[in-house]
Amino acid sequence: AFEPRLSNLVPSAPEDAELPPVIPLLCLLSAFSPPWSAVLWDMGEEASEGQMGAGAIDKNGVFSVWSLMTIPSEMWNQEMICTCRAKESSTGRSISATVSRET
């Protein structure tokens, strides 16, 4: 059995660089076997689903899927905290990973 993991990827830019108008945030749910639900994004308001990838299975049968959320750069500049969360359908167990501009 594999222990599922969530990882966040955010763009990095030098301090003096101008940010693009939209910031992509990527959350990778890996090393799991279904029935884990879709990844939800919580940004201080109501949680929402991002754009989900189709997923992939490696040679060991480990499944991974990603979720992409885009936010306006103004929100990112306000030092907001974004959390991606996945829940196991059968047990209700959940895991989460948090990211902010300071990450």
PDB file of N, CA and C in Angstrom:
ATOM      1  N   ALA A   1       0.847  -1.193   0.000  1.00  0.00           N
ATOM      2  CA  ALA A   1       0.000   0.000   0.000  1.00  0.00           C
ATOM      3  C   ALA A   1       0.882   1.243   0.000  1.00  0.00           C
ATOM      4  N   PHE A   2       0.430   2.251  -0.706  1.00  0.00           N
ATOM      5  CA  PHE A   2       1.162   3.504  -0.799  1.00  0.00           C
ATOM      6  C   PHE A   2       0.481   4.555   0.065  1.00  0.00           C
ATOM      7  N   GLU A   3       1.274   5.459   0.625  1.00  0.00           N
ATOM      8  CA  GLU A   3       0.727   6.572   1.397  1.00  0.00           C
ATOM      9  C   GLU A   3       0.581   7.761   0.459  1.00  0.00           C
ATOM     10  N   PRO A   4      -0.647   8.256   0.261  1.00  0.00           N
ATOM     11  CA  PRO A   4      -0.852   9.358  -0.680  1.00  0.00           C
ATOM     12  C   PRO A   4      -0.159  10.634  -0.208  1.00  0.00           C
ATOM     13  N   ARG A   5       0.284  11.432  -1.181  1.00  0.00           N
ATOM     14  CA  ARG A   5       0.955  12.699  -0.893  1.00  0.00           C
ATOM     15  C   ARG A   5       0.367  13.791  -1.771  1.00  0.00           C
ATOM     16  N   LEU A   6       0.354  15.000  -1.216  1.00  0.00           N
ATOM     17  CA  LEU A   6       0.004  16.187  -1.989  1.00  0.00           C
ATOM     18  C   LEU A   6       1.228  17.083  -2.047  1.00  0.00           C
ATOM     19  N   SER A   7       1.500  17.631  -3.215  1.00  0.00           N
ATOM     20  CA  SER A   7       2.602  18.572  -3.389  1.00  0.00           C
ATOM     21  C   SER A   7       2.092  19.774  -4.155  1.00  0.00           C
ATOM     22  N   ASN A   8       2.551  20.960  -3.765  1.00  0.00           N
ATOM     23  CA  ASN A   8       2.170  22.182  -4.465  1.00  0.00           C
ATOM     24  C   ASN A   8       3.352  22.720  -5.248  1.00  0.00           C
ATOM     25  N   LEU A   9       3.061  23.224  -6.434  1.00  0.00           N
ATOM     26  CA  LEU A   9       4.062  23.893  -7.256  1.00  0.00           C
ATOM     27  C   LEU A   9       3.535  25.280  -7.576  1.00  0.00           C
ATOM     28  N   VAL A  10       4.357  26.285  -7.323  1.00  0.00           N
ATOM     29  CA  VAL A  10       3.978  27.670  -7.603  1.00  0.00           C
ATOM     30  C   VAL A  10       5.087  28.329  -8.403  1.00  0.00           C
ATOM     31  N   PRO A  11       4.753  29.346  -9.174  1.00  0.00           N
ATOM     32  CA  PRO A  11       5.795  30.014  -9.950  1.00  0.00           C
ATOM     33  C   PRO A  11       6.737  30.775  -9.021  1.00  0.00           C
ATOM     34  N   SER A  12       7.993  30.832  -9.402  1.00  0.00           N
ATOM     35  CA  SER A  12       8.934  31.658  -8.649  1.00  0.00           C
ATOM     36  C   SER A  12       9.427  32.759  -9.574  1.00  0.00           C
ATOM     37  N   ALA A  13       9.650  33.912  -8.991  1.00  0.00           N
ATOM     38  CA  ALA A  13      10.121  35.055  -9.767  1.00  0.00           C
ATOM     39  C   ALA A  13      11.008  35.905  -8.868  1.00  0.00           C
ATOM     40  N   PRO A  14      11.999  36.553  -9.445  1.00  0.00           N
ATOM     41  CA  PRO A  14      12.806  37.467  -8.638  1.00  0.00           C
ATOM     42  C   PRO A  14      11.932  38.541  -8.008  1.00  0.00           C
ATOM     43  N   GLU A  15      12.365  39.052  -6.876  1.00  0.00           N
ATOM     44  CA  GLU A  15      11.579  40.042  -6.122  1.00  0.00           C
ATOM     45  C   GLU A  15      11.140  41.222  -6.981  1.00  0.00           C
ATOM     46  N   ASP A  16      12.017  41.681  -7.882  1.00  0.00           N
ATOM     47  CA  ASP A  16      11.703  42.881  -8.657  1.00  0.00           C
ATOM     48  C   ASP A  16      10.980  42.577  -9.973  1.00  0.00           C
ATOM     49  N   ALA A  17      10.737  41.305 -10.251  1.00  0.00           N
ATOM     50  CA  ALA A  17      10.066  40.936 -11.503  1.00  0.00           C
ATOM     51  C   ALA A  17       8.565  41.181 -11.392  1.00  0.00           C
ATOM     52  N   GLU A  18       7.967  41.563 -12.504  1.00  0.00           N
ATOM     53  CA  GLU A  18       6.527  41.775 -12.537  1.00  0.00           C
ATOM     54  C   GLU A  18       5.831  40.437 -12.740  1.00  0.00           C
ATOM     55  N   LEU A  19       4.786  40.213 -11.956  1.00  0.00           N
ATOM     56  CA  LEU A  19       4.044  38.958 -12.063  1.00  0.00           C
ATOM     57  C   LEU A  19       3.112  38.999 -13.264  1.00  0.00           C
ATOM     58  N   PRO A  20       2.826  37.846 -13.862  1.00  0.00           N
ATOM     59  CA  PRO A  20       1.833  37.811 -14.935  1.00  0.00           C
ATOM     60  C   PRO A  20       0.452  38.113 -14.347  1.00  0.00           C
ATOM     61  N   PRO A  21      -0.524  38.460 -15.172  1.00  0.00           N
ATOM     62  CA  PRO A  21      -1.857  38.804 -14.662  1.00  0.00           C
ATOM     63  C   PRO A  21      -2.558  37.656 -13.941  1.00  0.00           C
ATOM     64  N   VAL A  22      -2.225  36.417 -14.332  1.00  0.00           N
ATOM     65  CA  VAL A  22      -2.844  35.243 -13.716  1.00  0.00           C
ATOM     66  C   VAL A  22      -1.724  34.329 -13.206  1.00  0.00           C
ATOM     67  N   ILE A  23      -1.859  33.860 -11.973  1.00  0.00           N
ATOM     68  CA  ILE A  23      -0.863  33.001 -11.347  1.00  0.00           C
ATOM     69  C   ILE A  23      -1.362  31.556 -11.368  1.00  0.00           C
ATOM     70  N   PRO A  24      -0.588  30.622 -11.960  1.00  0.00           N
ATOM     71  CA  PRO A  24      -0.987  29.210 -11.928  1.00  0.00           C
ATOM     72  C   PRO A  24      -0.474  28.525 -10.658  1.00  0.00           C
ATOM     73  N   LEU A  25      -1.345  27.769 -10.010  1.00  0.00           N
ATOM     74  CA  LEU A  25      -0.979  26.960  -8.854  1.00  0.00           C
ATOM     75  C   LEU A  25      -1.268  25.514  -9.217  1.00  0.00           C
ATOM     76  N   LEU A  26      -0.321  24.638  -8.990  1.00  0.00           N
ATOM     77  CA  LEU A  26      -0.471  23.240  -9.358  1.00  0.00           C
ATOM     78  C   LEU A  26      -0.373  22.376  -8.108  1.00  0.00           C
ATOM     79  N   CYS A  27      -1.313  21.470  -7.944  1.00  0.00           N
ATOM     80  CA  CYS A  27      -1.319  20.544  -6.821  1.00  0.00           C
ATOM     81  C   CYS A  27      -1.261  19.127  -7.388  1.00  0.00           C
ATOM     82  N   LEU A  28      -0.297  18.346  -6.929  1.00  0.00           N
ATOM     83  CA  LEU A  28      -0.114  16.982  -7.413  1.00  0.00           C
ATOM     84  C   LEU A  28      -0.475  16.004  -6.312  1.00  0.00           C
ATOM     85  N   LEU A  29      -1.468  15.167  -6.561  1.00  0.00           N
ATOM     86  CA  LEU A  29      -1.844  14.072  -5.663  1.00  0.00           C
ATOM     87  C   LEU A  29      -1.181  12.829  -6.218  1.00  0.00           C
ATOM     88  N   SER A  30      -0.252  12.263  -5.445  1.00  0.00           N
ATOM     89  CA  SER A  30       0.507  11.121  -5.959  1.00  0.00           C
ATOM     90  C   SER A  30       0.564   9.988  -4.953  1.00  0.00           C
ATOM     91  N   ALA A  31       0.980   8.847  -5.449  1.00  0.00           N
ATOM     92  CA  ALA A  31       1.156   7.628  -4.645  1.00  0.00           C
ATOM     93  C   ALA A  31      -0.143   7.230  -3.956  1.00  0.00           C
ATOM     94  N   PHE A  32      -1.202   7.187  -4.716  1.00  0.00           N
ATOM     95  CA  PHE A  32      -2.475   6.772  -4.150  1.00  0.00           C
ATOM     96  C   PHE A  32      -3.153   5.788  -5.078  1.00  0.00           C
ATOM     97  N   SER A  33      -4.122   5.100  -4.524  1.00  0.00           N
ATOM     98  CA  SER A  33      -4.965   4.269  -5.360  1.00  0.00           C
ATOM     99  C   SER A  33      -6.393   4.730  -5.122  1.00  0.00           C
ATOM    100  N   PRO A  34      -7.200   4.761  -6.157  1.00  0.00           N
ATOM    101  CA  PRO A  34      -8.580   5.196  -5.981  1.00  0.00           C
ATOM    102  C   PRO A  34      -9.230   4.395  -4.864  1.00  0.00           C
ATOM    103  N   PRO A  35     -10.167   4.894  -4.115  1.00  0.00           N
ATOM    104  CA  PRO A  35     -11.120   5.946  -4.430  1.00  0.00           C
ATOM    105  C   PRO A  35     -10.851   7.302  -3.750  1.00  0.00           C
ATOM    106  N   TRP A  36      -9.768   7.988  -4.065  1.00  0.00           N
ATOM    107  CA  TRP A  36      -9.572   9.351  -3.587  1.00  0.00           C
ATOM    108  C   TRP A  36     -10.364  10.279  -4.490  1.00  0.00           C
ATOM    109  N   SER A  37     -10.974  11.280  -3.883  1.00  0.00           N
ATOM    110  CA  SER A  37     -11.827  12.192  -4.644  1.00  0.00           C
ATOM    111  C   SER A  37     -10.978  13.255  -5.329  1.00  0.00           C
ATOM    112  N   ALA A  38     -11.633  14.095  -6.080  1.00  0.00           N
ATOM    113  CA  ALA A  38     -10.966  15.197  -6.760  1.00  0.00           C
ATOM    114  C   ALA A  38     -10.320  16.123  -5.733  1.00  0.00           C
ATOM    115  N   VAL A  39      -9.287  16.789  -6.165  1.00  0.00           N
ATOM    116  CA  VAL A  39      -8.611  17.761  -5.316  1.00  0.00           C
ATOM    117  C   VAL A  39      -9.460  19.025  -5.261  1.00  0.00           C
ATOM    118  N   LEU A  40      -9.640  19.555  -4.059  1.00  0.00           N
ATOM    119  CA  LEU A  40     -10.356  20.819  -3.875  1.00  0.00           C
ATOM    120  C   LEU A  40      -9.372  21.889  -3.443  1.00  0.00           C
ATOM    121  N   TRP A  41      -9.616  23.106  -3.859  1.00  0.00           N
ATOM    122  CA  TRP A  41      -8.798  24.257  -3.492  1.00  0.00           C
ATOM    123  C   TRP A  41      -9.568  25.129  -2.519  1.00  0.00           C
ATOM    124  N   ASP A  42      -8.937  25.473  -1.416  1.00  0.00           N
ATOM    125  CA  ASP A  42      -9.538  26.360  -0.416  1.00  0.00           C
ATOM    126  C   ASP A  42      -8.678  27.611  -0.336  1.00  0.00           C
ATOM    127  N   MET A  43      -9.279  28.751  -0.654  1.00  0.00           N
ATOM    128  CA  MET A  43      -8.547  30.010  -0.631  1.00  0.00           C
ATOM    129  C   MET A  43      -9.215  31.006   0.297  1.00  0.00           C
ATOM    130  N   GLY A  44      -9.710  30.484   1.413  1.00  0.00           N
ATOM    131  CA  GLY A  44     -10.330  31.358   2.400  1.00  0.00           C
ATOM    132  C   GLY A  44     -11.816  31.563   2.180  1.00  0.00           C
ATOM    133  N   GLU A  45     -12.290  31.192   1.025  1.00  0.00           N
ATOM    134  CA  GLU A  45     -13.717  31.280   0.733  1.00  0.00           C
ATOM    135  C   GLU A  45     -14.224  29.857   0.570  1.00  0.00           C
ATOM    136  N   GLU A  46     -15.212  29.680  -0.236  1.00  0.00           N
ATOM    137  CA  GLU A  46     -15.726  28.346  -0.506  1.00  0.00           C
ATOM    138  C   GLU A  46     -14.709  27.539  -1.305  1.00  0.00           C
ATOM    139  N   ALA A  47     -14.550  26.272  -0.964  1.00  0.00           N
ATOM    140  CA  ALA A  47     -13.619  25.407  -1.697  1.00  0.00           C
ATOM    141  C   ALA A  47     -14.149  25.152  -3.103  1.00  0.00           C
ATOM    142  N   SER A  48     -13.228  25.065  -4.062  1.00  0.00           N
ATOM    143  CA  SER A  48     -13.640  24.810  -5.438  1.00  0.00           C
ATOM    144  C   SER A  48     -12.664  23.848  -6.102  1.00  0.00           C
ATOM    145  N   GLU A  49     -13.126  23.210  -7.149  1.00  0.00           N
ATOM    146  CA  GLU A  49     -12.286  22.294  -7.911  1.00  0.00           C
ATOM    147  C   GLU A  49     -11.506  23.080  -8.943  1.00  0.00           C
ATOM    148  N   GLY A  50     -10.260  22.682  -9.136  1.00  0.00           N
ATOM    149  CA  GLY A  50      -9.468  23.262 -10.205  1.00  0.00           C
ATOM    150  C   GLY A  50      -9.632  22.434 -11.461  1.00  0.00           C
ATOM    151  N   GLN A  51      -8.837  22.732 -12.450  1.00  0.00           N
ATOM    152  CA  GLN A  51      -8.826  21.938 -13.683  1.00  0.00           C
ATOM    153  C   GLN A  51      -8.024  20.678 -13.405  1.00  0.00           C
ATOM    154  N   MET A  52      -8.649  19.510 -13.544  1.00  0.00           N
ATOM    155  CA  MET A  52      -7.995  18.240 -13.227  1.00  0.00           C
ATOM    156  C   MET A  52      -7.378  17.614 -14.470  1.00  0.00           C
ATOM    157  N   GLY A  53      -6.226  17.002 -14.269  1.00  0.00           N
ATOM    158  CA  GLY A  53      -5.585  16.225 -15.329  1.00  0.00           C
ATOM    159  C   GLY A  53      -6.214  14.843 -15.391  1.00  0.00           C
ATOM    160  N   ALA A  54      -5.887  14.098 -16.418  1.00  0.00           N
ATOM    161  CA  ALA A  54      -6.450  12.760 -16.590  1.00  0.00           C
ATOM    162  C   ALA A  54      -5.838  11.758 -15.626  1.00  0.00           C
ATOM    163  N   GLY A  55      -4.657  12.051 -15.101  1.00  0.00           N
ATOM    164  CA  GLY A  55      -3.992  11.124 -14.202  1.00  0.00           C
ATOM    165  C   GLY A  55      -3.091  10.172 -14.963  1.00  0.00           C
ATOM    166  N   ALA A  56      -2.213   9.530 -14.226  1.00  0.00           N
ATOM    167  CA  ALA A  56      -1.268   8.598 -14.832  1.00  0.00           C
ATOM    168  C   ALA A  56      -0.939   7.498 -13.834  1.00  0.00           C
ATOM    169  N   ILE A  57      -0.612   6.331 -14.351  1.00  0.00           N
ATOM    170  CA  ILE A  57      -0.203   5.202 -13.517  1.00  0.00           C
ATOM    171  C   ILE A  57       1.213   4.818 -13.937  1.00  0.00           C
ATOM    172  N   ASP A  58       2.129   4.738 -12.958  1.00  0.00           N
ATOM    173  CA  ASP A  58       3.497   4.350 -13.305  1.00  0.00           C
ATOM    174  C   ASP A  58       3.631   2.832 -13.343  1.00  0.00           C
ATOM    175  N   LYS A  59       4.827   2.341 -13.612  1.00  0.00           N
ATOM    176  CA  LYS A  59       5.053   0.900 -13.788  1.00  0.00           C
ATOM    177  C   LYS A  59       4.785   0.089 -12.527  1.00  0.00           C
ATOM    178  N   ASN A  60       4.778   0.746 -11.352  1.00  0.00           N
ATOM    179  CA  ASN A  60       4.497   0.061 -10.086  1.00  0.00           C
ATOM    180  C   ASN A  60       3.017   0.126  -9.698  1.00  0.00           C
ATOM    181  N   GLY A  61       2.189   0.697 -10.575  1.00  0.00           N
ATOM    182  CA  GLY A  61       0.772   0.814 -10.286  1.00  0.00           C
ATOM    183  C   GLY A  61       0.427   1.991  -9.398  1.00  0.00           C
ATOM    184  N   VAL A  62       1.376   2.938  -9.256  1.00  0.00           N
ATOM    185  CA  VAL A  62       1.136   4.130  -8.440  1.00  0.00           C
ATOM    186  C   VAL A  62       0.449   5.170  -9.304  1.00  0.00           C
ATOM    187  N   PHE A  63      -0.661   5.678  -8.807  1.00  0.00           N
ATOM    188  CA  PHE A  63      -1.491   6.617  -9.549  1.00  0.00           C
ATOM    189  C   PHE A  63      -1.189   8.035  -9.107  1.00  0.00           C
ATOM    190  N   SER A  64      -1.145   8.971 -10.046  1.00  0.00           N
ATOM    191  CA  SER A  64      -0.956  10.391  -9.754  1.00  0.00           C
ATOM    192  C   SER A  64      -1.907  11.204 -10.611  1.00  0.00           C
ATOM    193  N   VAL A  65      -2.372  12.304 -10.052  1.00  0.00           N
ATOM    194  CA  VAL A  65      -3.241  13.220 -10.786  1.00  0.00           C
ATOM    195  C   VAL A  65      -2.926  14.639 -10.317  1.00  0.00           C
ATOM    196  N   TRP A  66      -3.092  15.613 -11.218  1.00  0.00           N
ATOM    197  CA  TRP A  66      -2.821  16.990 -10.837  1.00  0.00           C
ATOM    198  C   TRP A  66      -4.076  17.830 -10.950  1.00  0.00           C
ATOM    199  N   SER A  67      -4.064  18.941 -10.225  1.00  0.00           N
ATOM    200  CA  SER A  67      -5.142  19.917 -10.289  1.00  0.00           C
ATOM    201  C   SER A  67      -4.513  21.294 -10.463  1.00  0.00           C
ATOM    202  N   LEU A  68      -5.006  22.061 -11.411  1.00  0.00           N
ATOM    203  CA  LEU A  68      -4.506  23.399 -11.691  1.00  0.00           C
ATOM    204  C   LEU A  68      -5.547  24.422 -11.298  1.00  0.00           C
ATOM    205  N   MET A  69      -5.124  25.411 -10.515  1.00  0.00           N
ATOM    206  CA  MET A  69      -5.993  26.531 -10.149  1.00  0.00           C
ATOM    207  C   MET A  69      -5.275  27.804 -10.556  1.00  0.00           C
ATOM    208  N   THR A  70      -5.984  28.712 -11.179  1.00  0.00           N
ATOM    209  CA  THR A  70      -5.381  29.999 -11.516  1.00  0.00           C
ATOM    210  C   THR A  70      -6.068  31.082 -10.696  1.00  0.00           C
ATOM    211  N   ILE A  71      -5.250  32.034 -10.238  1.00  0.00           N
ATOM    212  CA  ILE A  71      -5.789  33.150  -9.450  1.00  0.00           C
ATOM    213  C   ILE A  71      -5.212  34.456  -9.988  1.00  0.00           C
ATOM    214  N   PRO A  72      -5.940  35.551  -9.843  1.00  0.00           N
ATOM    215  CA  PRO A  72      -5.408  36.852 -10.279  1.00  0.00           C
ATOM    216  C   PRO A  72      -4.173  37.212  -9.460  1.00  0.00           C
ATOM    217  N   SER A  73      -3.203  37.838 -10.105  1.00  0.00           N
ATOM    218  CA  SER A  73      -1.974  38.200  -9.406  1.00  0.00           C
ATOM    219  C   SER A  73      -2.237  39.143  -8.238  1.00  0.00           C
ATOM    220  N   GLU A  74      -3.316  39.946  -8.304  1.00  0.00           N
ATOM    221  CA  GLU A  74      -3.646  40.837  -7.185  1.00  0.00           C
ATOM    222  C   GLU A  74      -3.912  40.027  -5.914  1.00  0.00           C
ATOM    223  N   MET A  75      -4.603  38.900  -6.064  1.00  0.00           N
ATOM    224  CA  MET A  75      -4.877  38.039  -4.904  1.00  0.00           C
ATOM    225  C   MET A  75      -3.584  37.438  -4.373  1.00  0.00           C
ATOM    226  N   TRP A  76      -2.716  36.996  -5.272  1.00  0.00           N
ATOM    227  CA  TRP A  76      -1.433  36.398  -4.879  1.00  0.00           C
ATOM    228  C   TRP A  76      -0.582  37.431  -4.133  1.00  0.00           C
ATOM    229  N   ASN A  77      -0.632  38.686  -4.591  1.00  0.00           N
ATOM    230  CA  ASN A  77       0.136  39.755  -3.951  1.00  0.00           C
ATOM    231  C   ASN A  77      -0.371  40.086  -2.555  1.00  0.00           C
ATOM    232  N   GLN A  78      -1.592  39.716  -2.245  1.00  0.00           N
ATOM    233  CA  GLN A  78      -2.161  40.000  -0.922  1.00  0.00           C
ATOM    234  C   GLN A  78      -1.752  38.941   0.093  1.00  0.00           C
ATOM    235  N   GLU A  79      -0.732  38.159  -0.248  1.00  0.00           N
ATOM    236  CA  GLU A  79      -0.193  37.129   0.637  1.00  0.00           C
ATOM    237  C   GLU A  79      -1.266  36.144   1.090  1.00  0.00           C
ATOM    238  N   MET A  80      -2.143  35.800   0.164  1.00  0.00           N
ATOM    239  CA  MET A  80      -3.182  34.831   0.489  1.00  0.00           C
ATOM    240  C   MET A  80      -2.586  33.440   0.668  1.00  0.00           C
ATOM    241  N   ILE A  81      -3.290  32.603   1.375  1.00  0.00           N
ATOM    242  CA  ILE A  81      -2.882  31.225   1.605  1.00  0.00           C
ATOM    243  C   ILE A  81      -3.847  30.322   0.851  1.00  0.00           C
ATOM    244  N   CYS A  82      -3.306  29.401   0.058  1.00  0.00           N
ATOM    245  CA  CYS A  82      -4.109  28.462  -0.725  1.00  0.00           C
ATOM    246  C   CYS A  82      -3.837  27.054  -0.224  1.00  0.00           C
ATOM    247  N   THR A  83      -4.885  26.289  -0.034  1.00  0.00           N
ATOM    248  CA  THR A  83      -4.751  24.906   0.424  1.00  0.00           C
ATOM    249  C   THR A  83      -5.426  23.987  -0.578  1.00  0.00           C
ATOM    250  N   CYS A  84      -4.698  22.965  -1.008  1.00  0.00           N
ATOM    251  CA  CYS A  84      -5.345  21.928  -1.823  1.00  0.00           C
ATOM    252  C   CYS A  84      -5.580  20.725  -0.913  1.00  0.00           C
ATOM    253  N   ARG A  85      -6.719  20.087  -1.111  1.00  0.00           N
ATOM    254  CA  ARG A  85      -7.156  19.033  -0.211  1.00  0.00           C
ATOM    255  C   ARG A  85      -7.740  17.880  -1.022  1.00  0.00           C
ATOM    256  N   ALA A  86      -7.418  16.667  -0.607  1.00  0.00           N
ATOM    257  CA  ALA A  86      -7.997  15.474  -1.234  1.00  0.00           C
ATOM    258  C   ALA A  86      -8.597  14.615  -0.134  1.00  0.00           C
ATOM    259  N   LYS A  87      -9.693  13.965  -0.455  1.00  0.00           N
ATOM    260  CA  LYS A  87     -10.411  13.159   0.527  1.00  0.00           C
ATOM    261  C   LYS A  87     -10.591  11.739   0.000  1.00  0.00           C
ATOM    262  N   GLU A  88     -10.404  10.774   0.872  1.00  0.00           N
ATOM    263  CA  GLU A  88     -10.625   9.376   0.508  1.00  0.00           C
ATOM    264  C   GLU A  88     -12.118   9.088   0.635  1.00  0.00           C
ATOM    265  N   SER A  89     -12.730   8.685  -0.440  1.00  0.00           N
ATOM    266  CA  SER A  89     -14.183   8.507  -0.475  1.00  0.00           C
ATOM    267  C   SER A  89     -14.689   7.476   0.529  1.00  0.00           C
ATOM    268  N   SER A  90     -13.992   6.352   0.664  1.00  0.00           N
ATOM    269  CA  SER A  90     -14.513   5.268   1.489  1.00  0.00           C
ATOM    270  C   SER A  90     -14.364   5.516   2.997  1.00  0.00           C
ATOM    271  N   THR A  91     -13.296   6.206   3.418  1.00  0.00           N
ATOM    272  CA  THR A  91     -13.062   6.388   4.860  1.00  0.00           C
ATOM    273  C   THR A  91     -13.295   7.808   5.345  1.00  0.00           C
ATOM    274  N   GLY A  92     -13.319   8.773   4.436  1.00  0.00           N
ATOM    275  CA  GLY A  92     -13.462  10.165   4.840  1.00  0.00           C
ATOM    276  C   GLY A  92     -12.144  10.805   5.250  1.00  0.00           C
ATOM    277  N   ARG A  93     -11.062  10.032   5.242  1.00  0.00           N
ATOM    278  CA  ARG A  93      -9.742  10.573   5.597  1.00  0.00           C
ATOM    279  C   ARG A  93      -9.340  11.606   4.550  1.00  0.00           C
ATOM    280  N   SER A  94      -8.697  12.690   4.992  1.00  0.00           N
ATOM    281  CA  SER A  94      -8.264  13.699   4.032  1.00  0.00           C
ATOM    282  C   SER A  94      -6.823  14.105   4.298  1.00  0.00           C
ATOM    283  N   ILE A  95      -6.186  14.602   3.248  1.00  0.00           N
ATOM    284  CA  ILE A  95      -4.847  15.160   3.357  1.00  0.00           C
ATOM    285  C   ILE A  95      -4.876  16.529   2.696  1.00  0.00           C
ATOM    286  N   SER A  96      -3.965  17.398   3.092  1.00  0.00           N
ATOM    287  CA  SER A  96      -3.925  18.736   2.503  1.00  0.00           C
ATOM    288  C   SER A  96      -2.496  19.229   2.436  1.00  0.00           C
ATOM    289  N   ALA A  97      -2.294  20.209   1.579  1.00  0.00           N
ATOM    290  CA  ALA A  97      -1.013  20.894   1.427  1.00  0.00           C
ATOM    291  C   ALA A  97      -1.315  22.367   1.215  1.00  0.00           C
ATOM    292  N   THR A  98      -0.577  23.209   1.921  1.00  0.00           N
ATOM    293  CA  THR A  98      -0.823  24.649   1.877  1.00  0.00           C
ATOM    294  C   THR A  98       0.335  25.360   1.208  1.00  0.00           C
ATOM    295  N   VAL A  99       0.006  26.401   0.461  1.00  0.00           N
ATOM    296  CA  VAL A  99       1.023  27.183  -0.237  1.00  0.00           C
ATOM    297  C   VAL A  99       0.658  28.661  -0.143  1.00  0.00           C
ATOM    298  N   SER A 100       1.678  29.492  -0.092  1.00  0.00           N
ATOM    299  CA  SER A 100       1.482  30.944  -0.127  1.00  0.00           C
ATOM    300  C   SER A 100       2.609  31.553  -0.927  1.00  0.00           C
ATOM    301  N   ARG A 101       2.546  32.837  -1.149  1.00  0.00           N
ATOM    302  CA  ARG A 101       3.599  33.510  -1.917  1.00  0.00           C
ATOM    303  C   ARG A 101       4.942  33.380  -1.207  1.00  0.00           C
ATOM    304  N   GLU A 102       4.932  33.237   0.101  1.00  0.00           N
ATOM    305  CA  GLU A 102       6.150  33.128   0.888  1.00  0.00           C
ATOM    306  C   GLU A 102       6.806  31.753   0.751  1.00  0.00           C
ATOM    307  N   THR A 103       6.095  30.786   0.176  1.00  0.00           N
ATOM    308  CA  THR A 103       6.618  29.418   0.065  1.00  0.00           C
ATOM    309  C   THR A 103       7.833  29.368  -0.827  1.00  0.00           C
TER     310      THR A 103
END
